[in-house]
Amino acid sequence: MESDVQYRFADRGKLSNRLASARLQMWRRLNERFAETWKYRLSYLFMLPFFTAFTVFIVIPIAAAIALSFTNFNAVQFPETVGWLNYENLFSQDTVFLQYVIPNSFKFSLFVGPLGFVFAFILAWFIAQLPKITRMWYTLAIYAPSLAVGVAITVVWQVAFTGDRSGYINSFLLNWGFIDRPILFLQDEDLLLDIMIVASIWGSMGIGFLSLLAGILNVDPQLYEAGKIDGVSSRLQEIWYITLPSMKPQLMFAGVMSIVYTLKSGGIGTLLVGNPTPNYAGQLFISHIEDFGFIRFEMGYACAITVVLLVVTLILNKLLRVLFVPKEGE
């Protein structure tokens, strides 16, 4: 009996010694980290404006949206906690979200995201083959629509698809005898989402397009010469075996920007025809958020949709990292 007690005390003593040793190591690491931080304090001082802005405009709004997504908040009264009710209603009772928003967003993202990304690469590759001066003007022409996409949608696309004789497309079709009466493009449920896709791709050649062009232009020409020696005999083989592997960071950046643009441009339908769109034919995540947040003032429910959109964005971002981030040794 006495031996058992002694063993127990010995075990407790060993455990306490291990805990004390772990605490001591932890404090040593903290002191080392603090000393390292203090050593480069001037560098952190220069980084302070960015961290401040990032915290104020990114971290705090995301944390607030997540917190409000578990509440019933009408922007006037104090938020009332409802738990997971908003998410349960979103995936079980919101027929507009299930029948229109998810299918429309999937189709819209499928075309504007991957198709726009591939189209941007093809344009960047063709422009990279041009002389320097000509390349500059073509790059400006392709990039310019992304600078004022909201204004361009109102001035160009809304006028082009106006449902009377004054619309550019209706005027052309009527003058050449293709149709007998104007087509209500923006009120047609079968055409609205397709028009949104075309307009979004037209305005998607922004910073991602420029990064792709820069990546193509910065590929070492000696790699192409070495490729010819190794048997690369066509331009397609050059693109597949040399160009694409050499510009994975640019592809990653352009892919992330394509995701951001695709999800952000979901409100293009409301710019064209208002919110909600006719019979929800062009209703996407962003327009659904605006509908509940700024028209119905159901802020808690709108925040729940925002959190779902954030999770989708993070998943797509993770997928892009798997595809384009260079592996060790590459």
Protein backbone atom coordinates (compact mmCIF):
# COMPACT_ATOMS: atom_id res chain seq x y z
CA MET A 1 0.00 0.00 0.00
CA GLU A 2 2.73 2.42 0.93
CA SER A 3 4.58 1.59 -2.29
CA ASP A 4 1.44 2.43 -4.34
CA VAL A 5 1.16 5.79 -2.62
CA GLN A 6 4.82 6.49 -3.26
CA TYR A 7 4.40 5.62 -6.97
CA ARG A 8 1.41 7.96 -7.20
CA PHE A 9 3.32 10.80 -5.62
CA ALA A 10 6.26 10.07 -7.92
CA ASP A 11 3.96 10.17 -10.98
CA ARG A 12 2.43 13.45 -9.81
CA GLY A 13 5.90 14.87 -9.27
CA LYS A 14 6.96 13.85 -12.78
CA LEU A 15 3.76 15.36 -14.24
CA SER A 16 4.26 18.63 -12.37
CA ASN A 17 7.87 18.76 -13.55
CA ARG A 18 6.74 18.24 -17.14
CA LEU A 19 4.12 20.99 -16.82
CA ALA A 20 6.69 23.34 -15.32
CA SER A 21 9.12 22.51 -18.12
CA ALA A 22 6.41 23.09 -20.77
CA ARG A 23 5.50 26.44 -19.22
CA LEU A 24 9.14 27.45 -19.11
CA GLN A 25 9.57 26.55 -22.78
CA MET A 26 6.42 28.46 -23.68
CA TRP A 27 7.64 31.59 -21.90
CA ARG A 28 11.02 31.28 -23.59
CA ARG A 29 9.35 31.07 -26.99
CA LEU A 30 7.15 34.07 -26.20
CA ASN A 31 10.17 36.06 -25.08
CA GLU A 32 12.03 35.07 -28.24
CA ARG A 33 9.07 36.08 -30.40
CA PHE A 34 8.73 39.38 -28.56
CA ALA A 35 12.47 40.05 -28.90
CA GLU A 36 12.27 39.23 -32.63
CA THR A 37 9.25 41.52 -33.06
CA TRP A 38 10.92 44.33 -31.14
CA LYS A 39 14.05 43.92 -33.24
CA TYR A 40 12.04 44.65 -36.41
CA ARG A 41 9.65 47.14 -34.81
CA LEU A 42 10.25 49.73 -37.53
CA SER A 43 9.11 47.25 -40.19
CA TYR A 44 5.95 46.51 -38.24
CA LEU A 45 5.36 50.25 -37.90
CA PHE A 46 5.32 50.54 -41.69
CA MET A 47 2.90 47.60 -41.85
CA LEU A 48 0.59 49.15 -39.24
CA PRO A 49 -1.56 51.17 -41.71
CA PHE A 50 -2.30 48.04 -43.73
CA PHE A 51 -3.13 45.95 -40.67
CA THR A 52 -5.35 48.74 -39.35
CA ALA A 53 -7.24 49.06 -42.62
CA PHE A 54 -7.48 45.27 -42.97
CA THR A 55 -8.89 44.95 -39.46
CA VAL A 56 -11.37 47.81 -39.82
CA PHE A 57 -12.65 47.01 -43.31
CA ILE A 58 -12.24 43.21 -43.51
CA VAL A 59 -11.94 41.47 -40.14
CA ILE A 60 -14.54 43.50 -38.21
CA PRO A 61 -17.23 43.43 -40.98
CA ILE A 62 -16.80 39.66 -41.44
CA ALA A 63 -17.01 39.05 -37.69
CA ALA A 64 -20.07 41.32 -37.46
CA ALA A 65 -21.77 39.54 -40.39
CA ILE A 66 -21.16 36.13 -38.81
CA ALA A 67 -22.52 37.33 -35.47
CA LEU A 68 -25.59 39.01 -37.01
CA SER A 69 -26.36 35.90 -39.08
CA PHE A 70 -27.54 34.26 -35.85
CA THR A 71 -29.94 37.09 -35.05
CA ASN A 72 -33.18 38.66 -36.17
CA PHE A 73 -32.16 42.25 -36.97
CA ASN A 74 -34.25 44.84 -38.79
CA ALA A 75 -31.64 47.65 -38.62
CA VAL A 76 -33.77 49.57 -36.11
CA GLN A 77 -34.34 47.41 -33.05
CA PHE A 78 -31.61 45.66 -31.11
CA PRO A 79 -30.69 42.26 -32.66
CA GLU A 80 -32.56 39.26 -31.22
CA THR A 81 -30.70 35.96 -31.09
CA VAL A 82 -32.41 33.19 -33.07
CA GLY A 83 -29.60 30.62 -33.30
CA TRP A 84 -29.44 28.63 -36.54
CA LEU A 85 -32.95 29.64 -37.62
CA ASN A 86 -31.77 31.86 -40.49
CA TYR A 87 -29.67 29.06 -41.98
CA GLU A 88 -32.48 26.54 -41.50
CA ASN A 89 -34.93 28.82 -43.31
CA LEU A 90 -32.40 29.53 -46.05
CA PHE A 91 -31.89 25.86 -46.95
CA SER A 92 -35.40 24.58 -46.25
CA GLN A 93 -38.02 27.31 -46.74
CA ASP A 94 -36.52 29.97 -49.02
CA THR A 95 -37.95 28.75 -52.35
CA VAL A 96 -36.45 31.68 -54.26
CA PHE A 97 -32.97 30.76 -53.00
CA LEU A 98 -33.37 27.06 -53.74
CA GLN A 99 -35.20 27.28 -57.09
CA TYR A 100 -33.64 30.38 -58.63
CA VAL A 101 -30.59 31.77 -56.80
CA ILE A 102 -28.57 28.53 -56.61
CA PRO A 103 -29.20 27.36 -60.23
CA ASN A 104 -28.75 30.88 -61.64
CA SER A 105 -25.56 31.44 -59.63
CA PHE A 106 -24.17 28.07 -60.75
CA LYS A 107 -24.80 28.81 -64.44
CA PHE A 108 -23.57 32.39 -64.13
CA SER A 109 -20.40 31.38 -62.27
CA LEU A 110 -19.70 28.49 -64.65
CA PHE A 111 -19.63 30.80 -67.68
CA VAL A 112 -18.29 34.05 -66.23
CA GLY A 113 -15.66 32.37 -64.05
CA PRO A 114 -13.92 29.57 -66.01
CA LEU A 115 -15.00 30.82 -69.46
CA GLY A 116 -13.99 34.39 -68.65
CA PHE A 117 -10.69 33.13 -67.22
CA VAL A 118 -9.88 31.12 -70.36
CA PHE A 119 -11.01 33.96 -72.61
CA ALA A 120 -8.78 36.39 -70.69
CA PHE A 121 -5.77 34.07 -71.13
CA ILE A 122 -6.43 33.67 -74.87
CA LEU A 123 -6.73 37.44 -75.33
CA ALA A 124 -3.59 38.04 -73.27
CA TRP A 125 -1.65 35.48 -75.32
CA PHE A 126 -2.69 36.98 -78.65
CA ILE A 127 -1.94 40.51 -77.47
CA ALA A 128 1.48 39.38 -76.21
CA GLN A 129 2.38 38.41 -79.80
CA LEU A 130 1.83 41.98 -81.07
CA PRO A 131 4.49 44.72 -81.36
CA LYS A 132 4.98 46.82 -78.23
CA ILE A 133 3.09 49.96 -79.31
CA THR A 134 0.17 48.04 -80.81
CA ARG A 135 0.08 45.81 -77.72
CA MET A 136 -0.28 48.85 -75.46
CA TRP A 137 -3.34 50.17 -77.30
CA TYR A 138 -5.05 46.77 -77.48
CA THR A 139 -4.40 46.23 -73.78
CA LEU A 140 -5.97 49.60 -72.97
CA ALA A 141 -8.99 48.83 -75.13
CA ILE A 142 -9.56 45.45 -73.43
CA TYR A 143 -8.91 46.73 -69.90
CA ALA A 144 -10.91 50.00 -70.12
CA PRO A 145 -14.43 48.50 -69.72
CA SER A 146 -13.52 47.07 -66.31
CA LEU A 147 -12.75 50.57 -65.00
CA ALA A 148 -16.34 51.77 -65.38
CA VAL A 149 -18.35 48.59 -65.64
CA GLY A 150 -21.36 49.98 -63.73
CA VAL A 151 -21.64 53.06 -65.91
CA ALA A 152 -20.95 50.99 -69.03
CA ILE A 153 -23.78 48.61 -68.18
CA THR A 154 -26.22 51.49 -67.88
CA VAL A 155 -24.98 53.41 -70.92
CA VAL A 156 -24.16 50.54 -73.30
CA TRP A 157 -25.91 47.30 -72.44
CA GLN A 158 -29.14 48.71 -71.08
CA VAL A 159 -29.55 50.89 -74.17
CA ALA A 160 -28.52 48.06 -76.48
CA PHE A 161 -31.19 45.71 -75.09
CA THR A 162 -33.97 48.26 -74.64
CA GLY A 163 -37.27 46.61 -75.53
CA ASP A 164 -38.45 49.18 -78.07
CA ARG A 165 -37.34 50.51 -81.45
CA SER A 166 -34.75 52.81 -79.85
CA GLY A 167 -32.68 49.85 -78.63
CA TYR A 168 -29.61 49.21 -80.76
CA ILE A 169 -30.28 45.51 -81.26
CA ASN A 170 -34.02 45.88 -81.88
CA SER A 171 -33.35 48.72 -84.31
CA PHE A 172 -30.85 46.61 -86.26
CA LEU A 173 -33.12 43.55 -86.37
CA LEU A 174 -36.16 45.61 -87.44
CA ASN A 175 -34.29 47.53 -90.14
CA TRP A 176 -32.96 44.34 -91.70
CA GLY A 177 -36.28 42.52 -91.47
CA PHE A 178 -35.24 39.80 -89.03
CA ILE A 179 -38.17 40.56 -86.69
CA ASP A 180 -41.59 42.25 -87.06
CA ARG A 181 -41.85 43.77 -83.59
CA PRO A 182 -39.37 44.72 -80.84
CA ILE A 183 -38.20 42.02 -78.44
CA LEU A 184 -38.39 42.70 -74.70
CA PHE A 185 -34.90 41.37 -74.04
CA LEU A 186 -34.57 42.44 -70.41
CA GLN A 187 -38.06 41.24 -69.49
CA ASP A 188 -37.66 37.84 -71.15
CA GLU A 189 -36.95 35.19 -68.50
CA ASP A 190 -35.15 32.98 -71.04
CA LEU A 191 -32.78 35.73 -72.21
CA LEU A 192 -32.05 37.81 -69.11
CA LEU A 193 -29.43 35.54 -67.52
CA ASP A 194 -27.66 35.05 -70.87
CA ILE A 195 -27.48 38.83 -71.33
CA MET A 196 -26.06 39.16 -67.82
CA ILE A 197 -23.38 36.56 -68.65
CA VAL A 198 -22.35 38.32 -71.89
CA ALA A 199 -22.18 41.73 -70.20
CA SER A 200 -20.19 40.33 -67.27
CA ILE A 201 -17.61 38.61 -69.49
CA TRP A 202 -17.26 41.83 -71.48
CA GLY A 203 -16.40 43.73 -68.30
CA SER A 204 -14.27 41.01 -66.67
CA MET A 205 -10.95 41.84 -68.34
CA GLY A 206 -9.52 43.71 -65.37
CA ILE A 207 -6.50 43.21 -63.13
CA GLY A 208 -6.58 39.44 -63.69
CA PHE A 209 -6.21 39.98 -67.43
CA LEU A 210 -3.26 42.31 -66.85
CA SER A 211 -1.56 39.77 -64.57
CA LEU A 212 -1.94 37.06 -67.24
CA LEU A 213 -0.47 39.36 -69.87
CA ALA A 214 2.44 40.21 -67.57
CA GLY A 215 3.02 36.52 -66.84
CA ILE A 216 3.15 35.64 -70.54
CA LEU A 217 5.52 38.50 -71.35
CA ASN A 218 7.86 37.56 -68.49
CA VAL A 219 8.39 33.94 -69.52
CA ASP A 220 12.10 33.46 -70.24
CA PRO A 221 12.59 33.20 -74.06
CA GLN A 222 15.40 30.72 -73.48
CA LEU A 223 12.79 28.23 -72.25
CA TYR A 224 11.13 28.27 -75.66
CA GLU A 225 14.48 27.69 -77.33
CA ALA A 226 15.21 24.79 -74.99
CA GLY A 227 11.74 23.43 -75.68
CA LYS A 228 12.36 23.35 -79.41
CA ILE A 229 15.53 21.36 -78.79
CA ASP A 230 13.56 18.90 -76.63
CA GLY A 231 10.90 18.38 -79.32
CA VAL A 232 8.29 21.09 -78.69
CA SER A 233 7.11 21.70 -82.25
CA SER A 234 3.90 23.79 -82.08
CA ARG A 235 2.58 26.89 -80.33
CA LEU A 236 0.00 24.84 -78.45
CA GLN A 237 2.74 22.63 -77.05
CA GLU A 238 4.69 25.75 -76.05
CA ILE A 239 1.67 27.06 -74.17
CA TRP A 240 0.98 23.73 -72.43
CA TYR A 241 4.53 22.68 -71.54
CA ILE A 242 6.29 26.03 -71.10
CA THR A 243 4.00 29.06 -70.78
CA LEU A 244 1.42 27.73 -68.33
CA PRO A 245 3.90 26.02 -65.92
CA SER A 246 6.04 29.19 -65.91
CA MET A 247 3.23 31.53 -64.83
CA LYS A 248 1.41 29.64 -62.07
CA PRO A 249 1.53 32.61 -59.63
CA GLN A 250 -0.13 34.84 -62.24
CA LEU A 251 -2.70 32.13 -62.97
CA MET A 252 -3.43 31.86 -59.25
CA PHE A 253 -3.89 35.63 -58.90
CA ALA A 254 -6.06 35.85 -62.03
CA GLY A 255 -8.16 32.93 -60.80
CA VAL A 256 -8.78 34.59 -57.43
CA MET A 257 -9.67 37.87 -59.14
CA SER A 258 -12.01 35.97 -61.47
CA ILE A 259 -13.82 34.47 -58.47
CA VAL A 260 -14.09 37.85 -56.77
CA TYR A 261 -15.38 39.51 -59.93
CA THR A 262 -17.86 36.71 -60.64
CA LEU A 263 -19.39 36.88 -57.18
CA LYS A 264 -19.28 40.68 -57.09
CA SER A 265 -20.86 41.11 -60.52
CA GLY A 266 -23.90 39.12 -59.44
CA GLY A 267 -25.72 42.42 -59.01
CA ILE A 268 -25.60 43.13 -62.74
CA GLY A 269 -29.19 41.97 -63.12
CA THR A 270 -30.43 44.60 -60.67
CA LEU A 271 -28.51 47.28 -62.58
CA LEU A 272 -30.24 46.25 -65.80
CA VAL A 273 -33.82 45.66 -64.63
CA GLY A 274 -34.01 46.36 -60.89
CA ASN A 275 -34.43 44.12 -57.87
CA PRO A 276 -35.99 41.58 -57.89
CA THR A 277 -35.47 40.60 -61.51
CA PRO A 278 -38.51 39.45 -63.58
CA ASN A 279 -39.76 36.24 -61.98
CA TYR A 280 -36.32 35.96 -60.34
CA ALA A 281 -34.82 34.90 -63.69
CA GLY A 282 -31.62 36.83 -63.00
CA GLN A 283 -31.55 36.55 -59.21
CA LEU A 284 -28.08 35.71 -57.88
CA PHE A 285 -26.41 35.70 -54.46
CA ILE A 286 -25.65 39.42 -54.44
CA SER A 287 -29.10 40.47 -55.62
CA HIS A 288 -30.70 38.13 -53.06
CA ILE A 289 -28.60 39.73 -50.32
CA GLU A 290 -29.59 43.21 -51.48
CA ASP A 291 -33.24 42.18 -51.62
CA PHE A 292 -33.35 41.05 -47.98
CA GLY A 293 -30.80 43.51 -46.61
CA PHE A 294 -31.69 46.83 -48.24
CA ILE A 295 -35.28 46.35 -49.44
CA ARG A 296 -36.86 44.16 -46.74
CA PHE A 297 -34.37 45.20 -44.03
CA GLU A 298 -34.00 41.65 -42.75
CA MET A 299 -30.33 42.18 -41.93
CA GLY A 300 -29.83 38.97 -39.96
CA TYR A 301 -31.12 36.84 -42.82
CA ALA A 302 -29.06 38.82 -45.36
CA CYS A 303 -25.95 38.24 -43.23
CA ALA A 304 -26.65 34.49 -43.24
CA ILE A 305 -26.69 34.53 -47.06
CA THR A 306 -23.46 36.56 -46.98
CA VAL A 307 -21.77 33.97 -44.76
CA VAL A 308 -22.81 31.18 -47.16
CA LEU A 309 -21.34 33.19 -50.03
CA LEU A 310 -18.14 33.68 -48.03
CA VAL A 311 -17.83 29.93 -47.44
CA VAL A 312 -18.33 29.25 -51.17
CA THR A 313 -15.61 31.80 -51.96
CA LEU A 314 -13.17 30.19 -49.52
CA ILE A 315 -13.82 26.72 -50.99
CA LEU A 316 -13.19 27.98 -54.54
CA ASN A 317 -10.07 29.79 -53.38
CA LYS A 318 -8.78 26.58 -51.79
CA LEU A 319 -9.45 24.71 -55.04
CA LEU A 320 -7.46 27.29 -57.00
CA ARG A 321 -4.55 26.97 -54.60
CA VAL A 322 -4.51 23.22 -55.18
CA LEU A 323 -4.49 23.73 -58.96
CA PHE A 324 -2.08 26.64 -59.39
CA VAL A 325 0.19 27.00 -56.36
CA PRO A 326 3.59 25.55 -57.36
CA LYS A 327 4.44 22.33 -55.60
CA GLU A 328 7.77 21.92 -53.78
CA GLY A 329 10.54 21.37 -56.30
CA GLU A 330 8.68 22.93 -59.23
